[in-house]
Amino acid sequence: MAERRLANERAATLETDVDETLALLVSLPRQQRLAVALYYVDGLSVAEVATAMRLSVGAVKFHLHQGRAKLRERLDP
């Protein structure tokens, strides 16, 4: 019984974490959100993200940098 309760608590915590993470990602501007998602979620390289987004590698690096900075601000105000 205690194991089931612990499993339910962990599932609820994970669901909350996922919801909070999605809310943070949605708060980013579109280009930053796409770059962050493709790089961190899909595991694409910077060059692959650049190709997918039809941007230069430098532009992708900029969007990743800006996205990380905004996420950092929101996580640690």
PDB file of N, CA and C in Angstrom:
ATOM      1  N   MET A   1       0.816  -1.184   0.000  1.00  0.00           N
ATOM      2  CA  MET A   1       0.000   0.000   0.000  1.00  0.00           C
ATOM      3  C   MET A   1       0.870   1.263   0.000  1.00  0.00           C
ATOM      4  N   ALA A   2       1.902   1.266   0.824  1.00  0.00           N
ATOM      5  CA  ALA A   2       2.798   2.423   0.905  1.00  0.00           C
ATOM      6  C   ALA A   2       3.549   2.618  -0.408  1.00  0.00           C
ATOM      7  N   GLU A   3       3.901   1.512  -1.081  1.00  0.00           N
ATOM      8  CA  GLU A   3       4.597   1.607  -2.366  1.00  0.00           C
ATOM      9  C   GLU A   3       3.710   2.260  -3.412  1.00  0.00           C
ATOM     10  N   ARG A   4       2.431   1.910  -3.413  1.00  0.00           N
ATOM     11  CA  ARG A   4       1.491   2.495  -4.373  1.00  0.00           C
ATOM     12  C   ARG A   4       1.339   3.992  -4.128  1.00  0.00           C
ATOM     13  N   ARG A   5       1.243   4.387  -2.865  1.00  0.00           N
ATOM     14  CA  ARG A   5       1.112   5.795  -2.515  1.00  0.00           C
ATOM     15  C   ARG A   5       2.360   6.557  -2.952  1.00  0.00           C
ATOM     16  N   LEU A   6       3.534   5.983  -2.708  1.00  0.00           N
ATOM     17  CA  LEU A   6       4.789   6.607  -3.112  1.00  0.00           C
ATOM     18  C   LEU A   6       4.860   6.736  -4.631  1.00  0.00           C
ATOM     19  N   ALA A   7       4.441   5.700  -5.342  1.00  0.00           N
ATOM     20  CA  ALA A   7       4.426   5.749  -6.807  1.00  0.00           C
ATOM     21  C   ALA A   7       3.478   6.827  -7.301  1.00  0.00           C
ATOM     22  N   ASN A   8       2.314   6.965  -6.668  1.00  0.00           N
ATOM     23  CA  ASN A   8       1.360   7.998  -7.054  1.00  0.00           C
ATOM     24  C   ASN A   8       1.917   9.398  -6.787  1.00  0.00           C
ATOM     25  N   GLU A   9       2.606   9.564  -5.670  1.00  0.00           N
ATOM     26  CA  GLU A   9       3.213  10.857  -5.345  1.00  0.00           C
ATOM     27  C   GLU A   9       4.298  11.210  -6.359  1.00  0.00           C
ATOM     28  N   ARG A  10       5.108  10.226  -6.734  1.00  0.00           N
ATOM     29  CA  ARG A  10       6.157  10.465  -7.737  1.00  0.00           C
ATOM     30  C   ARG A  10       5.550  10.827  -9.084  1.00  0.00           C
ATOM     31  N   ALA A  11       4.477  10.137  -9.464  1.00  0.00           N
ATOM     32  CA  ALA A  11       3.800  10.428 -10.736  1.00  0.00           C
ATOM     33  C   ALA A  11       3.229  11.835 -10.725  1.00  0.00           C
ATOM     34  N   ALA A  12       2.645  12.249  -9.608  1.00  0.00           N
ATOM     35  CA  ALA A  12       2.084  13.592  -9.498  1.00  0.00           C
ATOM     36  C   ALA A  12       3.178  14.646  -9.576  1.00  0.00           C
ATOM     37  N   THR A  13       4.310  14.371  -8.930  1.00  0.00           N
ATOM     38  CA  THR A  13       5.439  15.297  -8.981  1.00  0.00           C
ATOM     39  C   THR A  13       5.977  15.409 -10.396  1.00  0.00           C
ATOM     40  N   LEU A  14       6.109  14.288 -11.077  1.00  0.00           N
ATOM     41  CA  LEU A  14       6.592  14.290 -12.455  1.00  0.00           C
ATOM     42  C   LEU A  14       5.639  15.059 -13.352  1.00  0.00           C
ATOM     43  N   GLU A  15       4.348  14.851 -13.180  1.00  0.00           N
ATOM     44  CA  GLU A  15       3.353  15.557 -13.985  1.00  0.00           C
ATOM     45  C   GLU A  15       3.452  17.064 -13.755  1.00  0.00           C
ATOM     46  N   THR A  16       3.631  17.471 -12.502  1.00  0.00           N
ATOM     47  CA  THR A  16       3.789  18.890 -12.185  1.00  0.00           C
ATOM     48  C   THR A  16       5.047  19.434 -12.835  1.00  0.00           C
ATOM     49  N   ASP A  17       6.145  18.694 -12.766  1.00  0.00           N
ATOM     50  CA  ASP A  17       7.399  19.125 -13.387  1.00  0.00           C
ATOM     51  C   ASP A  17       7.244  19.293 -14.893  1.00  0.00           C
ATOM     52  N   VAL A  18       6.566  18.354 -15.530  1.00  0.00           N
ATOM     53  CA  VAL A  18       6.343  18.428 -16.974  1.00  0.00           C
ATOM     54  C   VAL A  18       5.488  19.642 -17.308  1.00  0.00           C
ATOM     55  N   ASP A  19       4.426  19.866 -16.546  1.00  0.00           N
ATOM     56  CA  ASP A  19       3.554  21.017 -16.773  1.00  0.00           C
ATOM     57  C   ASP A  19       4.323  22.327 -16.620  1.00  0.00           C
ATOM     58  N   GLU A  20       5.150  22.419 -15.593  1.00  0.00           N
ATOM     59  CA  GLU A  20       5.937  23.638 -15.365  1.00  0.00           C
ATOM     60  C   GLU A  20       6.959  23.838 -16.481  1.00  0.00           C
ATOM     61  N   THR A  21       7.576  22.761 -16.925  1.00  0.00           N
ATOM     62  CA  THR A  21       8.559  22.847 -18.003  1.00  0.00           C
ATOM     63  C   THR A  21       7.892  23.304 -19.296  1.00  0.00           C
ATOM     64  N   LEU A  22       6.742  22.733 -19.603  1.00  0.00           N
ATOM     65  CA  LEU A  22       6.019  23.141 -20.807  1.00  0.00           C
ATOM     66  C   LEU A  22       5.601  24.596 -20.727  1.00  0.00           C
ATOM     67  N   ALA A  23       5.151  25.038 -19.567  1.00  0.00           N
ATOM     68  CA  ALA A  23       4.766  26.437 -19.395  1.00  0.00           C
ATOM     69  C   ALA A  23       5.959  27.360 -19.627  1.00  0.00           C
ATOM     70  N   LEU A  24       7.125  26.955 -19.150  1.00  0.00           N
ATOM     71  CA  LEU A  24       8.329  27.759 -19.372  1.00  0.00           C
ATOM     72  C   LEU A  24       8.669  27.823 -20.861  1.00  0.00           C
ATOM     73  N   LEU A  25       8.602  26.682 -21.529  1.00  0.00           N
ATOM     74  CA  LEU A  25       8.926  26.655 -22.958  1.00  0.00           C
ATOM     75  C   LEU A  25       7.933  27.484 -23.766  1.00  0.00           C
ATOM     76  N   VAL A  26       6.660  27.386 -23.441  1.00  0.00           N
ATOM     77  CA  VAL A  26       5.641  28.144 -24.166  1.00  0.00           C
ATOM     78  C   VAL A  26       5.840  29.641 -23.987  1.00  0.00           C
ATOM     79  N   SER A  27       6.435  30.043 -22.881  1.00  0.00           N
ATOM     80  CA  SER A  27       6.643  31.470 -22.615  1.00  0.00           C
ATOM     81  C   SER A  27       7.757  32.070 -23.469  1.00  0.00           C
ATOM     82  N   LEU A  28       8.561  31.222 -24.099  1.00  0.00           N
ATOM     83  CA  LEU A  28       9.643  31.727 -24.955  1.00  0.00           C
ATOM     84  C   LEU A  28       9.094  32.183 -26.298  1.00  0.00           C
ATOM     85  N   PRO A  29       9.757  33.161 -26.919  1.00  0.00           N
ATOM     86  CA  PRO A  29       9.393  33.524 -28.289  1.00  0.00           C
ATOM     87  C   PRO A  29       9.557  32.311 -29.212  1.00  0.00           C
ATOM     88  N   ARG A  30       8.811  32.297 -30.302  1.00  0.00           N
ATOM     89  CA  ARG A  30       8.732  31.133 -31.187  1.00  0.00           C
ATOM     90  C   ARG A  30      10.101  30.603 -31.624  1.00  0.00           C
ATOM     91  N   GLN A  31      10.975  31.460 -32.118  1.00  0.00           N
ATOM     92  CA  GLN A  31      12.275  31.007 -32.621  1.00  0.00           C
ATOM     93  C   GLN A  31      13.115  30.378 -31.506  1.00  0.00           C
ATOM     94  N   GLN A  32      13.091  30.994 -30.345  1.00  0.00           N
ATOM     95  CA  GLN A  32      13.836  30.442 -29.211  1.00  0.00           C
ATOM     96  C   GLN A  32      13.247  29.101 -28.782  1.00  0.00           C
ATOM     97  N   ARG A  33      11.924  29.037 -28.722  1.00  0.00           N
ATOM     98  CA  ARG A  33      11.248  27.798 -28.324  1.00  0.00           C
ATOM     99  C   ARG A  33      11.569  26.664 -29.286  1.00  0.00           C
ATOM    100  N   LEU A  34      11.522  26.949 -30.585  1.00  0.00           N
ATOM    101  CA  LEU A  34      11.846  25.929 -31.583  1.00  0.00           C
ATOM    102  C   LEU A  34      13.292  25.469 -31.462  1.00  0.00           C
ATOM    103  N   ALA A  35      14.206  26.417 -31.353  1.00  0.00           N
ATOM    104  CA  ALA A  35      15.623  26.070 -31.255  1.00  0.00           C
ATOM    105  C   ALA A  35      15.883  25.216 -30.016  1.00  0.00           C
ATOM    106  N   VAL A  36      15.331  25.630 -28.882  1.00  0.00           N
ATOM    107  CA  VAL A  36      15.526  24.891 -27.625  1.00  0.00           C
ATOM    108  C   VAL A  36      14.929  23.491 -27.739  1.00  0.00           C
ATOM    109  N   ALA A  37      13.720  23.391 -28.282  1.00  0.00           N
ATOM    110  CA  ALA A  37      13.064  22.086 -28.394  1.00  0.00           C
ATOM    111  C   ALA A  37      13.827  21.164 -29.337  1.00  0.00           C
ATOM    112  N   LEU A  38      14.226  21.666 -30.487  1.00  0.00           N
ATOM    113  CA  LEU A  38      14.944  20.823 -31.440  1.00  0.00           C
ATOM    114  C   LEU A  38      16.294  20.370 -30.881  1.00  0.00           C
ATOM    115  N   TYR A  39      16.962  21.269 -30.195  1.00  0.00           N
ATOM    116  CA  TYR A  39      18.300  20.957 -29.669  1.00  0.00           C
ATOM    117  C   TYR A  39      18.224  20.042 -28.443  1.00  0.00           C
ATOM    118  N   TYR A  40      17.405  20.413 -27.458  1.00  0.00           N
ATOM    119  CA  TYR A  40      17.398  19.672 -26.192  1.00  0.00           C
ATOM    120  C   TYR A  40      16.422  18.503 -26.174  1.00  0.00           C
ATOM    121  N   VAL A  41      15.283  18.651 -26.818  1.00  0.00           N
ATOM    122  CA  VAL A  41      14.291  17.577 -26.772  1.00  0.00           C
ATOM    123  C   VAL A  41      14.542  16.561 -27.877  1.00  0.00           C
ATOM    124  N   ASP A  42      14.734  17.061 -29.098  1.00  0.00           N
ATOM    125  CA  ASP A  42      14.935  16.154 -30.230  1.00  0.00           C
ATOM    126  C   ASP A  42      16.382  15.709 -30.380  1.00  0.00           C
ATOM    127  N   GLY A  43      17.300  16.392 -29.707  1.00  0.00           N
ATOM    128  CA  GLY A  43      18.698  15.985 -29.731  1.00  0.00           C
ATOM    129  C   GLY A  43      19.435  16.316 -31.018  1.00  0.00           C
ATOM    130  N   LEU A  44      18.930  17.297 -31.773  1.00  0.00           N
ATOM    131  CA  LEU A  44      19.609  17.694 -33.001  1.00  0.00           C
ATOM    132  C   LEU A  44      20.851  18.516 -32.672  1.00  0.00           C
ATOM    133  N   SER A  45      21.827  18.458 -33.535  1.00  0.00           N
ATOM    134  CA  SER A  45      23.010  19.303 -33.387  1.00  0.00           C
ATOM    135  C   SER A  45      22.633  20.727 -33.778  1.00  0.00           C
ATOM    136  N   VAL A  46      23.501  21.676 -33.470  1.00  0.00           N
ATOM    137  CA  VAL A  46      23.251  23.068 -33.852  1.00  0.00           C
ATOM    138  C   VAL A  46      23.117  23.171 -35.374  1.00  0.00           C
ATOM    139  N   ALA A  47      23.970  22.477 -36.104  1.00  0.00           N
ATOM    140  CA  ALA A  47      23.901  22.507 -37.571  1.00  0.00           C
ATOM    141  C   ALA A  47      22.572  21.929 -38.068  1.00  0.00           C
ATOM    142  N   GLU A  48      22.108  20.855 -37.443  1.00  0.00           N
ATOM    143  CA  GLU A  48      20.836  20.252 -37.840  1.00  0.00           C
ATOM    144  C   GLU A  48      19.658  21.171 -37.520  1.00  0.00           C
ATOM    145  N   VAL A  49      19.735  21.835 -36.375  1.00  0.00           N
ATOM    146  CA  VAL A  49      18.691  22.797 -36.017  1.00  0.00           C
ATOM    147  C   VAL A  49      18.673  23.934 -37.037  1.00  0.00           C
ATOM    148  N   ALA A  50      19.858  24.395 -37.405  1.00  0.00           N
ATOM    149  CA  ALA A  50      19.958  25.471 -38.398  1.00  0.00           C
ATOM    150  C   ALA A  50      19.309  25.055 -39.716  1.00  0.00           C
ATOM    151  N   THR A  51      19.565  23.862 -40.146  1.00  0.00           N
ATOM    152  CA  THR A  51      18.964  23.358 -41.386  1.00  0.00           C
ATOM    153  C   THR A  51      17.449  23.266 -41.242  1.00  0.00           C
ATOM    154  N   ALA A  52      16.986  22.697 -40.151  1.00  0.00           N
ATOM    155  CA  ALA A  52      15.549  22.524 -39.929  1.00  0.00           C
ATOM    156  C   ALA A  52      14.820  23.865 -39.858  1.00  0.00           C
ATOM    157  N   MET A  53      15.473  24.859 -39.270  1.00  0.00           N
ATOM    158  CA  MET A  53      14.841  26.160 -39.100  1.00  0.00           C
ATOM    159  C   MET A  53      15.162  27.121 -40.241  1.00  0.00           C
ATOM    160  N   ARG A  54      16.012  26.670 -41.162  1.00  0.00           N
ATOM    161  CA  ARG A  54      16.454  27.506 -42.290  1.00  0.00           C
ATOM    162  C   ARG A  54      17.098  28.802 -41.807  1.00  0.00           C
ATOM    163  N   LEU A  55      17.995  28.633 -40.829  1.00  0.00           N
ATOM    164  CA  LEU A  55      18.745  29.744 -40.254  1.00  0.00           C
ATOM    165  C   LEU A  55      20.225  29.421 -40.324  1.00  0.00           C
ATOM    166  N   SER A  56      21.037  30.421 -40.077  1.00  0.00           N
ATOM    167  CA  SER A  56      22.477  30.180 -39.990  1.00  0.00           C
ATOM    168  C   SER A  56      22.794  29.537 -38.641  1.00  0.00           C
ATOM    169  N   VAL A  57      23.939  28.908 -38.568  1.00  0.00           N
ATOM    170  CA  VAL A  57      24.391  28.312 -37.307  1.00  0.00           C
ATOM    171  C   VAL A  57      24.498  29.396 -36.238  1.00  0.00           C
ATOM    172  N   GLY A  58      25.003  30.552 -36.619  1.00  0.00           N
ATOM    173  CA  GLY A  58      25.127  31.665 -35.670  1.00  0.00           C
ATOM    174  C   GLY A  58      23.780  32.112 -35.122  1.00  0.00           C
ATOM    175  N   ALA A  59      22.760  32.140 -35.981  1.00  0.00           N
ATOM    176  CA  ALA A  59      21.428  32.538 -35.532  1.00  0.00           C
ATOM    177  C   ALA A  59      20.863  31.509 -34.548  1.00  0.00           C
ATOM    178  N   VAL A  60      21.093  30.235 -34.818  1.00  0.00           N
ATOM    179  CA  VAL A  60      20.626  29.190 -33.901  1.00  0.00           C
ATOM    180  C   VAL A  60      21.339  29.330 -32.559  1.00  0.00           C
ATOM    181  N   LYS A  61      22.636  29.547 -32.574  1.00  0.00           N
ATOM    182  CA  LYS A  61      23.379  29.731 -31.326  1.00  0.00           C
ATOM    183  C   LYS A  61      22.824  30.921 -30.547  1.00  0.00           C
ATOM    184  N   PHE A  62      22.490  31.995 -31.261  1.00  0.00           N
ATOM    185  CA  PHE A  62      21.903  33.175 -30.624  1.00  0.00           C
ATOM    186  C   PHE A  62      20.571  32.822 -29.970  1.00  0.00           C
ATOM    187  N   HIS A  63      19.692  32.135 -30.699  1.00  0.00           N
ATOM    188  CA  HIS A  63      18.384  31.776 -30.158  1.00  0.00           C
ATOM    189  C   HIS A  63      18.518  30.824 -28.966  1.00  0.00           C
ATOM    190  N   LEU A  64      19.449  29.889 -29.036  1.00  0.00           N
ATOM    191  CA  LEU A  64      19.682  28.988 -27.900  1.00  0.00           C
ATOM    192  C   LEU A  64      20.177  29.773 -26.689  1.00  0.00           C
ATOM    193  N   HIS A  65      21.108  30.671 -26.925  1.00  0.00           N
ATOM    194  CA  HIS A  65      21.659  31.481 -25.834  1.00  0.00           C
ATOM    195  C   HIS A  65      20.560  32.327 -25.189  1.00  0.00           C
ATOM    196  N   GLN A  66      19.770  32.998 -26.014  1.00  0.00           N
ATOM    197  CA  GLN A  66      18.693  33.844 -25.497  1.00  0.00           C
ATOM    198  C   GLN A  66      17.637  33.000 -24.775  1.00  0.00           C
ATOM    199  N   GLY A  67      17.298  31.855 -25.352  1.00  0.00           N
ATOM    200  CA  GLY A  67      16.315  30.981 -24.729  1.00  0.00           C
ATOM    201  C   GLY A  67      16.766  30.482 -23.371  1.00  0.00           C
ATOM    202  N   ARG A  68      18.024  30.056 -23.299  1.00  0.00           N
ATOM    203  CA  ARG A  68      18.567  29.589 -22.010  1.00  0.00           C
ATOM    204  C   ARG A  68      18.572  30.717 -20.991  1.00  0.00           C
ATOM    205  N   ALA A  69      18.934  31.922 -21.422  1.00  0.00           N
ATOM    206  CA  ALA A  69      18.974  33.066 -20.509  1.00  0.00           C
ATOM    207  C   ALA A  69      17.584  33.368 -19.955  1.00  0.00           C
ATOM    208  N   LYS A  70      16.579  33.347 -20.824  1.00  0.00           N
ATOM    209  CA  LYS A  70      15.214  33.612 -20.361  1.00  0.00           C
ATOM    210  C   LYS A  70      14.715  32.519 -19.429  1.00  0.00           C
ATOM    211  N   LEU A  71      15.016  31.271 -19.747  1.00  0.00           N
ATOM    212  CA  LEU A  71      14.620  30.174 -18.864  1.00  0.00           C
ATOM    213  C   LEU A  71      15.311  30.297 -17.514  1.00  0.00           C
ATOM    214  N   ARG A  72      16.590  30.647 -17.543  1.00  0.00           N
ATOM    215  CA  ARG A  72      17.353  30.813 -16.296  1.00  0.00           C
ATOM    216  C   ARG A  72      16.721  31.911 -15.442  1.00  0.00           C
ATOM    217  N   GLU A  73      16.355  33.037 -16.060  1.00  0.00           N
ATOM    218  CA  GLU A  73      15.710  34.143 -15.334  1.00  0.00           C
ATOM    219  C   GLU A  73      14.433  33.683 -14.663  1.00  0.00           C
ATOM    220  N   ARG A  74      13.647  32.912 -15.378  1.00  0.00           N
ATOM    221  CA  ARG A  74      12.353  32.479 -14.861  1.00  0.00           C
ATOM    222  C   ARG A  74      12.492  31.410 -13.788  1.00  0.00           C
ATOM    223  N   LEU A  75      13.543  30.635 -13.853  1.00  0.00           N
ATOM    224  CA  LEU A  75      13.769  29.589 -12.859  1.00  0.00           C
ATOM    225  C   LEU A  75      14.404  30.123 -11.590  1.00  0.00           C
ATOM    226  N   ASP A  76      15.224  31.171 -11.750  1.00  0.00           N
ATOM    227  CA  ASP A  76      15.954  31.742 -10.610  1.00  0.00           C
ATOM    228  C   ASP A  76      15.854  33.265 -10.662  1.00  0.00           C
ATOM    229  N   PRO A  77      14.679  33.810 -10.298  1.00  0.00           N
ATOM    230  CA  PRO A  77      14.473  35.266 -10.429  1.00  0.00           C
ATOM    231  C   PRO A  77      15.344  36.083  -9.501  1.00  0.00           C
TER     232      PRO A  77
END
